[in-house]
Amino acid sequence: MNAELRARDPLLFWTGALMVLTLVVVTLLSIGDQRLTLGINPWVKPMKFLISITIFVWTLAWFMPEAKPDLVRRALVRWTVAGAMLIEIALITLQAARGTTSHFNAATAFDLAVFNIMGAAITVSSLAVVLFLWILRRDTPTRRAGYLWGVRLGVALFVLASMLPGFLMVANNGHSIPGPDGGAGLPFVNWSVEFGDLRVAHFLGMHAMQALPLLGFLLDRTIGGNQPSALVPTARNVVIAIGMAWFVVTGALLGIALLGRPIMAL
């Protein structure tokens, strides 16, 4: 598996490997650190982002062969994403080491500069994923229709879920509505159990990037694998239907958060 992933995109593979190594270090640091930031160990945030970034860059690495053979634009996507993610996690880890927050922090000029650089890095990375969506192959071999449509819809939902909730968080100067960030939350993810939390929709939408292609792959192998060609498009249709439902549920969770209702109140 590692060899296959490395062959598909060495740069993104090693970027993810570096994140895994950093996760081990950060986890060890968290064990002996008694400080609290917004009520939780300061190293929890970089731990969450390290896991998320690893999944993201390795998923993108896996998808890279599905892009058109455009070496320039492929290189632009991979180098932009890798660079942006390294900047993002470096700054999050720096702020954790300082015992302060990384997002929505304007306590000092330095903290504000850190947040602004992080915002720029994420914006540039998201635009790179938009470019990747644009250069994805347009042809759809029948026997891989479920998987390829899963990739397309998953990447599209990732872009929407990263940009729209992200914009709303910046506009709100936090992820909790209508209360302040911090306070009681679900274990590890720390989603608020008191207020609406924009991170719930953000999380669900972004991870369509893994779920929908996996669903499509499994359907291609079951519904499409040994069936007459007339029945093969069923895999594609199921993936499209699930993708639409995923979009609706993500939008509903975003709306619930904007109404100030916590996820536990559903």
C-alpha atoms as a PDB file:
ATOM      1  CA  MET A   1       0.000   0.000   0.000  1.00  0.00           C
ATOM      2  CA  ASN A   2       2.776   2.441   0.956  1.00  0.00           C
ATOM      3  CA  ALA A   3       4.716   1.591  -2.198  1.00  0.00           C
ATOM      4  CA  GLU A   4       1.628   2.144  -4.356  1.00  0.00           C
ATOM      5  CA  LEU A   5       0.877   5.486  -2.698  1.00  0.00           C
ATOM      6  CA  ARG A   6       4.496   6.610  -3.059  1.00  0.00           C
ATOM      7  CA  ALA A   7       4.468   5.650  -6.729  1.00  0.00           C
ATOM      8  CA  ARG A   8       1.301   7.637  -7.374  1.00  0.00           C
ATOM      9  CA  ASP A   9       2.756  10.865  -5.975  1.00  0.00           C
ATOM     10  CA  PRO A  10       6.071  10.832  -4.081  1.00  0.00           C
ATOM     11  CA  LEU A  11       5.869  14.457  -2.911  1.00  0.00           C
ATOM     12  CA  LEU A  12       2.442  14.132  -1.313  1.00  0.00           C
ATOM     13  CA  PHE A  13       3.354  10.717   0.091  1.00  0.00           C
ATOM     14  CA  TRP A  14       6.385  12.089   1.921  1.00  0.00           C
ATOM     15  CA  THR A  15       4.436  15.146   3.041  1.00  0.00           C
ATOM     16  CA  GLY A  16       1.955  12.809   4.723  1.00  0.00           C
ATOM     17  CA  ALA A  17       4.768  10.691   6.171  1.00  0.00           C
ATOM     18  CA  LEU A  18       6.274  13.811   7.743  1.00  0.00           C
ATOM     19  CA  MET A  19       2.872  14.593   9.270  1.00  0.00           C
ATOM     20  CA  VAL A  20       2.712  11.104  10.799  1.00  0.00           C
ATOM     21  CA  LEU A  21       6.188  11.512  12.298  1.00  0.00           C
ATOM     22  CA  THR A  22       5.236  14.915  13.696  1.00  0.00           C
ATOM     23  CA  LEU A  23       2.039  13.423  15.128  1.00  0.00           C
ATOM     24  CA  VAL A  24       4.103  10.925  17.120  1.00  0.00           C
ATOM     25  CA  VAL A  25       6.280  13.733  18.510  1.00  0.00           C
ATOM     26  CA  VAL A  26       3.303  15.962  19.347  1.00  0.00           C
ATOM     27  CA  THR A  27       1.471  13.090  21.050  1.00  0.00           C
ATOM     28  CA  LEU A  28       4.498  12.433  23.260  1.00  0.00           C
ATOM     29  CA  LEU A  29       4.726  16.137  24.117  1.00  0.00           C
ATOM     30  CA  SER A  30       1.059  16.197  25.116  1.00  0.00           C
ATOM     31  CA  ILE A  31       1.521  13.483  27.739  1.00  0.00           C
ATOM     32  CA  GLY A  32       3.604  15.603  30.080  1.00  0.00           C
ATOM     33  CA  ASP A  33       2.014  18.984  29.338  1.00  0.00           C
ATOM     34  CA  GLN A  34      -0.472  20.111  31.981  1.00  0.00           C
ATOM     35  CA  ARG A  35      -1.372  23.408  30.310  1.00  0.00           C
ATOM     36  CA  LEU A  36      -4.854  24.119  28.976  1.00  0.00           C
ATOM     37  CA  THR A  37      -5.852  26.209  25.968  1.00  0.00           C
ATOM     38  CA  LEU A  38      -9.585  26.867  25.726  1.00  0.00           C
ATOM     39  CA  GLY A  39     -10.061  24.110  28.280  1.00  0.00           C
ATOM     40  CA  ILE A  40      -8.085  21.362  26.513  1.00  0.00           C
ATOM     41  CA  ASN A  41      -4.464  20.287  26.179  1.00  0.00           C
ATOM     42  CA  PRO A  42      -2.800  22.693  23.693  1.00  0.00           C
ATOM     43  CA  TRP A  43      -1.379  19.788  21.675  1.00  0.00           C
ATOM     44  CA  VAL A  44      -4.815  18.375  20.820  1.00  0.00           C
ATOM     45  CA  LYS A  45      -5.293  20.903  18.034  1.00  0.00           C
ATOM     46  CA  PRO A  46      -2.073  20.093  16.153  1.00  0.00           C
ATOM     47  CA  MET A  47      -2.835  16.400  16.672  1.00  0.00           C
ATOM     48  CA  LYS A  48      -6.221  16.794  14.975  1.00  0.00           C
ATOM     49  CA  PHE A  49      -4.779  18.808  12.117  1.00  0.00           C
ATOM     50  CA  LEU A  50      -1.894  16.386  11.608  1.00  0.00           C
ATOM     51  CA  ILE A  51      -4.350  13.511  11.247  1.00  0.00           C
ATOM     52  CA  SER A  52      -6.587  15.525   8.931  1.00  0.00           C
ATOM     53  CA  ILE A  53      -3.727  16.773   6.747  1.00  0.00           C
ATOM     54  CA  THR A  54      -2.265  13.273   6.451  1.00  0.00           C
ATOM     55  CA  ILE A  55      -5.593  11.893   5.243  1.00  0.00           C
ATOM     56  CA  PHE A  56      -6.000  14.822   2.849  1.00  0.00           C
ATOM     57  CA  VAL A  57      -2.575  14.712   1.176  1.00  0.00           C
ATOM     58  CA  TRP A  58      -2.543  10.926   0.921  1.00  0.00           C
ATOM     59  CA  THR A  59      -6.034  10.963  -0.610  1.00  0.00           C
ATOM     60  CA  LEU A  60      -4.909  13.551  -3.144  1.00  0.00           C
ATOM     61  CA  ALA A  61      -1.806  11.478  -3.873  1.00  0.00           C
ATOM     62  CA  TRP A  62      -3.994   8.446  -4.540  1.00  0.00           C
ATOM     63  CA  PHE A  63      -6.202  10.438  -6.915  1.00  0.00           C
ATOM     64  CA  MET A  64      -3.348  12.064  -8.853  1.00  0.00           C
ATOM     65  CA  PRO A  65      -3.231   9.437 -11.655  1.00  0.00           C
ATOM     66  CA  GLU A  66      -6.878  10.271 -12.407  1.00  0.00           C
ATOM     67  CA  ALA A  67      -5.863  13.765 -13.530  1.00  0.00           C
ATOM     68  CA  LYS A  68      -5.138  14.590 -17.143  1.00  0.00           C
ATOM     69  CA  PRO A  69      -1.484  14.086 -18.190  1.00  0.00           C
ATOM     70  CA  ASP A  70      -0.735  17.786 -17.686  1.00  0.00           C
ATOM     71  CA  LEU A  71       2.630  17.827 -15.914  1.00  0.00           C
ATOM     72  CA  VAL A  72       2.658  21.578 -15.270  1.00  0.00           C
ATOM     73  CA  ARG A  73      -0.746  21.785 -13.630  1.00  0.00           C
ATOM     74  CA  ARG A  74      -0.241  18.533 -11.732  1.00  0.00           C
ATOM     75  CA  ALA A  75       3.016  19.930 -10.349  1.00  0.00           C
ATOM     76  CA  LEU A  76       1.298  23.192  -9.449  1.00  0.00           C
ATOM     77  CA  VAL A  77      -1.352  21.290  -7.479  1.00  0.00           C
ATOM     78  CA  ARG A  78       1.031  19.001  -5.594  1.00  0.00           C
ATOM     79  CA  TRP A  79       3.640  21.633  -4.705  1.00  0.00           C
ATOM     80  CA  THR A  80       1.020  24.194  -3.682  1.00  0.00           C
ATOM     81  CA  VAL A  81      -0.824  21.747  -1.440  1.00  0.00           C
ATOM     82  CA  ALA A  82       2.361  20.357   0.109  1.00  0.00           C
ATOM     83  CA  GLY A  83       3.787  23.816   0.794  1.00  0.00           C
ATOM     84  CA  ALA A  84       0.535  25.197   2.185  1.00  0.00           C
ATOM     85  CA  MET A  85       0.014  22.231   4.504  1.00  0.00           C
ATOM     86  CA  LEU A  86       3.572  22.474   5.846  1.00  0.00           C
ATOM     87  CA  ILE A  87       3.083  26.175   6.586  1.00  0.00           C
ATOM     88  CA  GLU A  88      -0.299  25.504   8.198  1.00  0.00           C
ATOM     89  CA  ILE A  89       0.870  22.767  10.557  1.00  0.00           C
ATOM     90  CA  ALA A  90       4.110  24.576  11.419  1.00  0.00           C
ATOM     91  CA  LEU A  91       2.163  27.620  12.618  1.00  0.00           C
ATOM     92  CA  ILE A  92      -0.454  25.574  14.481  1.00  0.00           C
ATOM     93  CA  THR A  93       2.313  23.658  16.255  1.00  0.00           C
ATOM     94  CA  LEU A  94       4.175  26.886  17.044  1.00  0.00           C
ATOM     95  CA  GLN A  95       1.110  28.395  18.700  1.00  0.00           C
ATOM     96  CA  ALA A  96       0.476  25.190  20.643  1.00  0.00           C
ATOM     97  CA  ALA A  97       4.041  25.310  21.944  1.00  0.00           C
ATOM     98  CA  ARG A  98       3.444  28.924  23.005  1.00  0.00           C
ATOM     99  CA  GLY A  99       0.291  27.843  24.834  1.00  0.00           C
ATOM    100  CA  THR A 100      -2.096  29.962  22.808  1.00  0.00           C
ATOM    101  CA  THR A 101      -4.666  29.535  20.053  1.00  0.00           C
ATOM    102  CA  SER A 102      -3.771  29.589  16.379  1.00  0.00           C
ATOM    103  CA  HIS A 103      -7.135  30.399  14.801  1.00  0.00           C
ATOM    104  CA  PHE A 104      -9.033  33.682  15.302  1.00  0.00           C
ATOM    105  CA  ASN A 105      -6.259  34.974  17.571  1.00  0.00           C
ATOM    106  CA  ALA A 106      -5.654  38.725  17.408  1.00  0.00           C
ATOM    107  CA  ALA A 107      -4.282  39.119  20.939  1.00  0.00           C
ATOM    108  CA  THR A 108      -0.972  40.477  19.607  1.00  0.00           C
ATOM    109  CA  ALA A 109       0.337  41.630  16.249  1.00  0.00           C
ATOM    110  CA  PHE A 110       2.316  38.387  16.023  1.00  0.00           C
ATOM    111  CA  ASP A 111      -0.737  36.215  16.723  1.00  0.00           C
ATOM    112  CA  LEU A 112      -2.757  38.093  14.114  1.00  0.00           C
ATOM    113  CA  ALA A 113       0.036  37.698  11.562  1.00  0.00           C
ATOM    114  CA  VAL A 114       0.129  33.950  12.249  1.00  0.00           C
ATOM    115  CA  PHE A 115      -3.618  33.654  11.730  1.00  0.00           C
ATOM    116  CA  ASN A 116      -3.513  35.685   8.519  1.00  0.00           C
ATOM    117  CA  ILE A 117      -0.682  33.574   7.081  1.00  0.00           C
ATOM    118  CA  MET A 118      -2.618  30.410   7.951  1.00  0.00           C
ATOM    119  CA  GLY A 119      -5.695  31.802   6.241  1.00  0.00           C
ATOM    120  CA  ALA A 120      -3.704  32.621   3.123  1.00  0.00           C
ATOM    121  CA  ALA A 121      -2.160  29.131   3.083  1.00  0.00           C
ATOM    122  CA  ILE A 122      -5.540  27.418   3.335  1.00  0.00           C
ATOM    123  CA  THR A 123      -7.021  29.654   0.641  1.00  0.00           C
ATOM    124  CA  VAL A 124      -4.172  28.887  -1.753  1.00  0.00           C
ATOM    125  CA  SER A 125      -4.454  25.160  -0.993  1.00  0.00           C
ATOM    126  CA  SER A 126      -8.206  25.212  -1.646  1.00  0.00           C
ATOM    127  CA  LEU A 127      -7.633  26.940  -4.980  1.00  0.00           C
ATOM    128  CA  ALA A 128      -5.108  24.235  -5.859  1.00  0.00           C
ATOM    129  CA  VAL A 129      -7.775  21.602  -5.179  1.00  0.00           C
ATOM    130  CA  VAL A 130     -10.158  23.539  -7.446  1.00  0.00           C
ATOM    131  CA  LEU A 131      -7.488  23.303 -10.147  1.00  0.00           C
ATOM    132  CA  PHE A 132      -7.178  19.575  -9.479  1.00  0.00           C
ATOM    133  CA  LEU A 133     -10.944  19.202  -9.885  1.00  0.00           C
ATOM    134  CA  TRP A 134     -10.648  21.017 -13.203  1.00  0.00           C
ATOM    135  CA  ILE A 135      -7.916  18.722 -14.551  1.00  0.00           C
ATOM    136  CA  LEU A 136      -9.581  15.460 -13.510  1.00  0.00           C
ATOM    137  CA  ARG A 137     -10.124  13.159 -16.477  1.00  0.00           C
ATOM    138  CA  ARG A 138     -13.411  13.665 -18.310  1.00  0.00           C
ATOM    139  CA  ASP A 139     -13.699  10.202 -19.825  1.00  0.00           C
ATOM    140  CA  THR A 140     -15.452   7.587 -17.707  1.00  0.00           C
ATOM    141  CA  PRO A 141     -14.635   3.934 -18.426  1.00  0.00           C
ATOM    142  CA  THR A 142     -17.842   2.052 -17.714  1.00  0.00           C
ATOM    143  CA  ARG A 143     -16.320  -0.423 -15.274  1.00  0.00           C
ATOM    144  CA  ARG A 144     -14.877   2.423 -13.155  1.00  0.00           C
ATOM    145  CA  ALA A 145     -17.809   4.832 -13.362  1.00  0.00           C
ATOM    146  CA  GLY A 146     -18.761   4.574  -9.688  1.00  0.00           C
ATOM    147  CA  TYR A 147     -15.225   5.258  -8.487  1.00  0.00           C
ATOM    148  CA  LEU A 148     -14.539   8.127 -10.892  1.00  0.00           C
ATOM    149  CA  TRP A 149     -17.814   9.849 -10.074  1.00  0.00           C
ATOM    150  CA  GLY A 150     -17.004   9.342  -6.402  1.00  0.00           C
ATOM    151  CA  VAL A 151     -13.699  11.133  -6.928  1.00  0.00           C
ATOM    152  CA  ARG A 152     -15.328  14.028  -8.789  1.00  0.00           C
ATOM    153  CA  LEU A 153     -18.158  14.526  -6.321  1.00  0.00           C
ATOM    154  CA  GLY A 154     -15.928  13.927  -3.304  1.00  0.00           C
ATOM    155  CA  VAL A 155     -13.402  16.550  -4.396  1.00  0.00           C
ATOM    156  CA  ALA A 156     -16.195  19.006  -5.250  1.00  0.00           C
ATOM    157  CA  LEU A 157     -17.783  18.569  -1.810  1.00  0.00           C
ATOM    158  CA  PHE A 158     -14.353  18.950  -0.208  1.00  0.00           C
ATOM    159  CA  VAL A 159     -13.914  22.314  -1.920  1.00  0.00           C
ATOM    160  CA  LEU A 160     -17.370  23.529  -0.881  1.00  0.00           C
ATOM    161  CA  ALA A 161     -16.989  22.318   2.707  1.00  0.00           C
ATOM    162  CA  SER A 162     -13.562  23.864   3.102  1.00  0.00           C
ATOM    163  CA  MET A 163     -14.441  27.240   1.608  1.00  0.00           C
ATOM    164  CA  LEU A 164     -17.994  28.052   2.762  1.00  0.00           C
ATOM    165  CA  PRO A 165     -17.784  27.060   6.452  1.00  0.00           C
ATOM    166  CA  GLY A 166     -14.259  28.490   6.503  1.00  0.00           C
ATOM    167  CA  PHE A 167     -15.523  31.845   5.253  1.00  0.00           C
ATOM    168  CA  LEU A 168     -18.335  31.791   7.819  1.00  0.00           C
ATOM    169  CA  MET A 169     -15.870  31.008  10.625  1.00  0.00           C
ATOM    170  CA  VAL A 170     -13.719  33.984   9.663  1.00  0.00           C
ATOM    171  CA  ALA A 171     -16.769  36.248   9.386  1.00  0.00           C
ATOM    172  CA  ASN A 172     -17.952  35.028  12.804  1.00  0.00           C
ATOM    173  CA  ASN A 173     -14.415  35.229  14.246  1.00  0.00           C
ATOM    174  CA  GLY A 174     -14.898  31.711  15.586  1.00  0.00           C
ATOM    175  CA  HIS A 175     -16.592  28.403  14.945  1.00  0.00           C
ATOM    176  CA  SER A 176     -19.228  28.566  17.709  1.00  0.00           C
ATOM    177  CA  ILE A 177     -22.593  30.300  17.217  1.00  0.00           C
ATOM    178  CA  PRO A 178     -23.752  32.325  19.102  1.00  0.00           C
ATOM    179  CA  GLY A 179     -21.321  31.734  21.993  1.00  0.00           C
ATOM    180  CA  PRO A 180     -17.537  31.885  22.307  1.00  0.00           C
ATOM    181  CA  ASP A 181     -15.221  29.085  21.242  1.00  0.00           C
ATOM    182  CA  GLY A 182     -14.122  26.689  23.964  1.00  0.00           C
ATOM    183  CA  GLY A 183     -16.241  25.271  26.755  1.00  0.00           C
ATOM    184  CA  ALA A 184     -17.892  21.875  26.857  1.00  0.00           C
ATOM    185  CA  GLY A 185     -17.380  19.774  23.755  1.00  0.00           C
ATOM    186  CA  LEU A 186     -17.346  16.240  22.408  1.00  0.00           C
ATOM    187  CA  PRO A 187     -14.205  14.212  23.190  1.00  0.00           C
ATOM    188  CA  PHE A 188     -11.166  14.973  20.999  1.00  0.00           C
ATOM    189  CA  VAL A 189     -13.052  16.777  18.198  1.00  0.00           C
ATOM    190  CA  ASN A 190     -14.317  19.233  20.857  1.00  0.00           C
ATOM    191  CA  TRP A 191     -17.428  20.139  18.864  1.00  0.00           C
ATOM    192  CA  SER A 192     -19.531  22.352  21.095  1.00  0.00           C
ATOM    193  CA  VAL A 193     -22.397  20.765  23.024  1.00  0.00           C
ATOM    194  CA  GLU A 194     -23.659  24.214  24.050  1.00  0.00           C
ATOM    195  CA  PHE A 195     -23.762  26.185  20.794  1.00  0.00           C
ATOM    196  CA  GLY A 196     -23.921  25.692  17.066  1.00  0.00           C
ATOM    197  CA  ASP A 197     -20.559  24.579  15.677  1.00  0.00           C
ATOM    198  CA  LEU A 198     -19.581  25.221  12.062  1.00  0.00           C
ATOM    199  CA  ARG A 199     -16.889  22.547  12.234  1.00  0.00           C
ATOM    200  CA  VAL A 200     -19.437  19.716  12.068  1.00  0.00           C
ATOM    201  CA  ALA A 201     -20.525  20.512   8.495  1.00  0.00           C
ATOM    202  CA  HIS A 202     -16.915  21.375   7.661  1.00  0.00           C
ATOM    203  CA  PHE A 203     -15.811  17.898   8.770  1.00  0.00           C
ATOM    204  CA  LEU A 204     -18.598  15.942   7.086  1.00  0.00           C
ATOM    205  CA  GLY A 205     -18.320  17.735   3.763  1.00  0.00           C
ATOM    206  CA  MET A 206     -14.545  17.486   3.561  1.00  0.00           C
ATOM    207  CA  HIS A 207     -14.488  13.750   4.229  1.00  0.00           C
ATOM    208  CA  ALA A 208     -16.799  13.069   1.306  1.00  0.00           C
ATOM    209  CA  MET A 209     -13.454  13.119  -0.500  1.00  0.00           C
ATOM    210  CA  GLN A 210     -12.690   9.711   1.017  1.00  0.00           C
ATOM    211  CA  ALA A 211     -16.162   8.232   1.491  1.00  0.00           C
ATOM    212  CA  LEU A 212     -17.635   8.686  -1.992  1.00  0.00           C
ATOM    213  CA  PRO A 213     -14.692   7.267  -3.975  1.00  0.00           C
ATOM    214  CA  LEU A 214     -14.533   4.300  -1.589  1.00  0.00           C
ATOM    215  CA  LEU A 215     -18.257   3.719  -2.059  1.00  0.00           C
ATOM    216  CA  GLY A 216     -17.855   3.958  -5.825  1.00  0.00           C
ATOM    217  CA  PHE A 217     -14.948   1.521  -5.806  1.00  0.00           C
ATOM    218  CA  LEU A 218     -16.930  -1.036  -3.810  1.00  0.00           C
ATOM    219  CA  LEU A 219     -19.991  -0.640  -6.028  1.00  0.00           C
ATOM    220  CA  ASP A 220     -17.909  -1.050  -9.176  1.00  0.00           C
ATOM    221  CA  ARG A 221     -16.612  -4.344  -7.819  1.00  0.00           C
ATOM    222  CA  THR A 222     -20.016  -5.622  -6.675  1.00  0.00           C
ATOM    223  CA  ILE A 223     -22.764  -4.165  -8.866  1.00  0.00           C
ATOM    224  CA  GLY A 224     -20.592  -3.566 -11.910  1.00  0.00           C
ATOM    225  CA  GLY A 225     -17.961  -6.254 -11.614  1.00  0.00           C
ATOM    226  CA  ASN A 226     -19.799  -9.301 -12.934  1.00  0.00           C
ATOM    227  CA  GLN A 227     -22.981  -7.801 -14.323  1.00  0.00           C
ATOM    228  CA  PRO A 228     -24.120  -7.225 -17.908  1.00  0.00           C
ATOM    229  CA  SER A 229     -22.947  -3.871 -19.261  1.00  0.00           C
ATOM    230  CA  ALA A 230     -26.504  -2.518 -19.203  1.00  0.00           C
ATOM    231  CA  LEU A 231     -26.509  -2.765 -15.401  1.00  0.00           C
ATOM    232  CA  VAL A 232     -23.068  -1.247 -14.802  1.00  0.00           C
ATOM    233  CA  PRO A 233     -24.265   2.426 -14.716  1.00  0.00           C
ATOM    234  CA  THR A 234     -26.163   1.529 -11.523  1.00  0.00           C
ATOM    235  CA  ALA A 235     -22.934   2.008  -9.572  1.00  0.00           C
ATOM    236  CA  ARG A 236     -22.542   5.501 -10.993  1.00  0.00           C
ATOM    237  CA  ASN A 237     -26.156   6.392 -10.270  1.00  0.00           C
ATOM    238  CA  VAL A 238     -25.941   5.203  -6.663  1.00  0.00           C
ATOM    239  CA  VAL A 239     -22.789   7.266  -6.084  1.00  0.00           C
ATOM    240  CA  ILE A 240     -24.396  10.363  -7.585  1.00  0.00           C
ATOM    241  CA  ALA A 241     -27.504   9.884  -5.420  1.00  0.00           C
ATOM    242  CA  ILE A 242     -25.433   9.399  -2.258  1.00  0.00           C
ATOM    243  CA  GLY A 243     -23.324  12.414  -3.207  1.00  0.00           C
ATOM    244  CA  MET A 244     -26.434  14.566  -3.524  1.00  0.00           C
ATOM    245  CA  ALA A 245     -27.703  13.296  -0.170  1.00  0.00           C
ATOM    246  CA  TRP A 246     -24.293  14.012   1.375  1.00  0.00           C
ATOM    247  CA  PHE A 247     -24.498  17.571   0.080  1.00  0.00           C
ATOM    248  CA  VAL A 248     -27.994  18.028   1.544  1.00  0.00           C
ATOM    249  CA  VAL A 249     -27.020  16.637   4.958  1.00  0.00           C
ATOM    250  CA  THR A 250     -23.890  18.801   5.050  1.00  0.00           C
ATOM    251  CA  GLY A 251     -25.959  21.861   4.177  1.00  0.00           C
ATOM    252  CA  ALA A 252     -28.511  20.966   6.854  1.00  0.00           C
ATOM    253  CA  LEU A 253     -25.782  20.648   9.492  1.00  0.00           C
ATOM    254  CA  LEU A 254     -24.421  24.017   8.426  1.00  0.00           C
ATOM    255  CA  GLY A 255     -27.878  25.559   8.735  1.00  0.00           C
ATOM    256  CA  ILE A 256     -28.380  24.006  12.180  1.00  0.00           C
ATOM    257  CA  ALA A 257     -25.061  25.472  13.324  1.00  0.00           C
ATOM    258  CA  LEU A 258     -26.028  28.911  12.000  1.00  0.00           C
ATOM    259  CA  LEU A 259     -29.223  28.667  14.066  1.00  0.00           C
ATOM    260  CA  GLY A 260     -27.061  28.204  17.150  1.00  0.00           C
ATOM    261  CA  ARG A 261     -28.087  24.618  17.852  1.00  0.00           C
ATOM    262  CA  PRO A 262     -25.443  22.108  18.990  1.00  0.00           C
ATOM    263  CA  ILE A 263     -25.064  18.769  17.241  1.00  0.00           C
ATOM    264  CA  MET A 264     -26.178  16.951  20.400  1.00  0.00           C
ATOM    265  CA  ALA A 265     -29.552  18.721  20.263  1.00  0.00           C
ATOM    266  CA  LEU A 266     -30.578  16.905  17.088  1.00  0.00           C
END
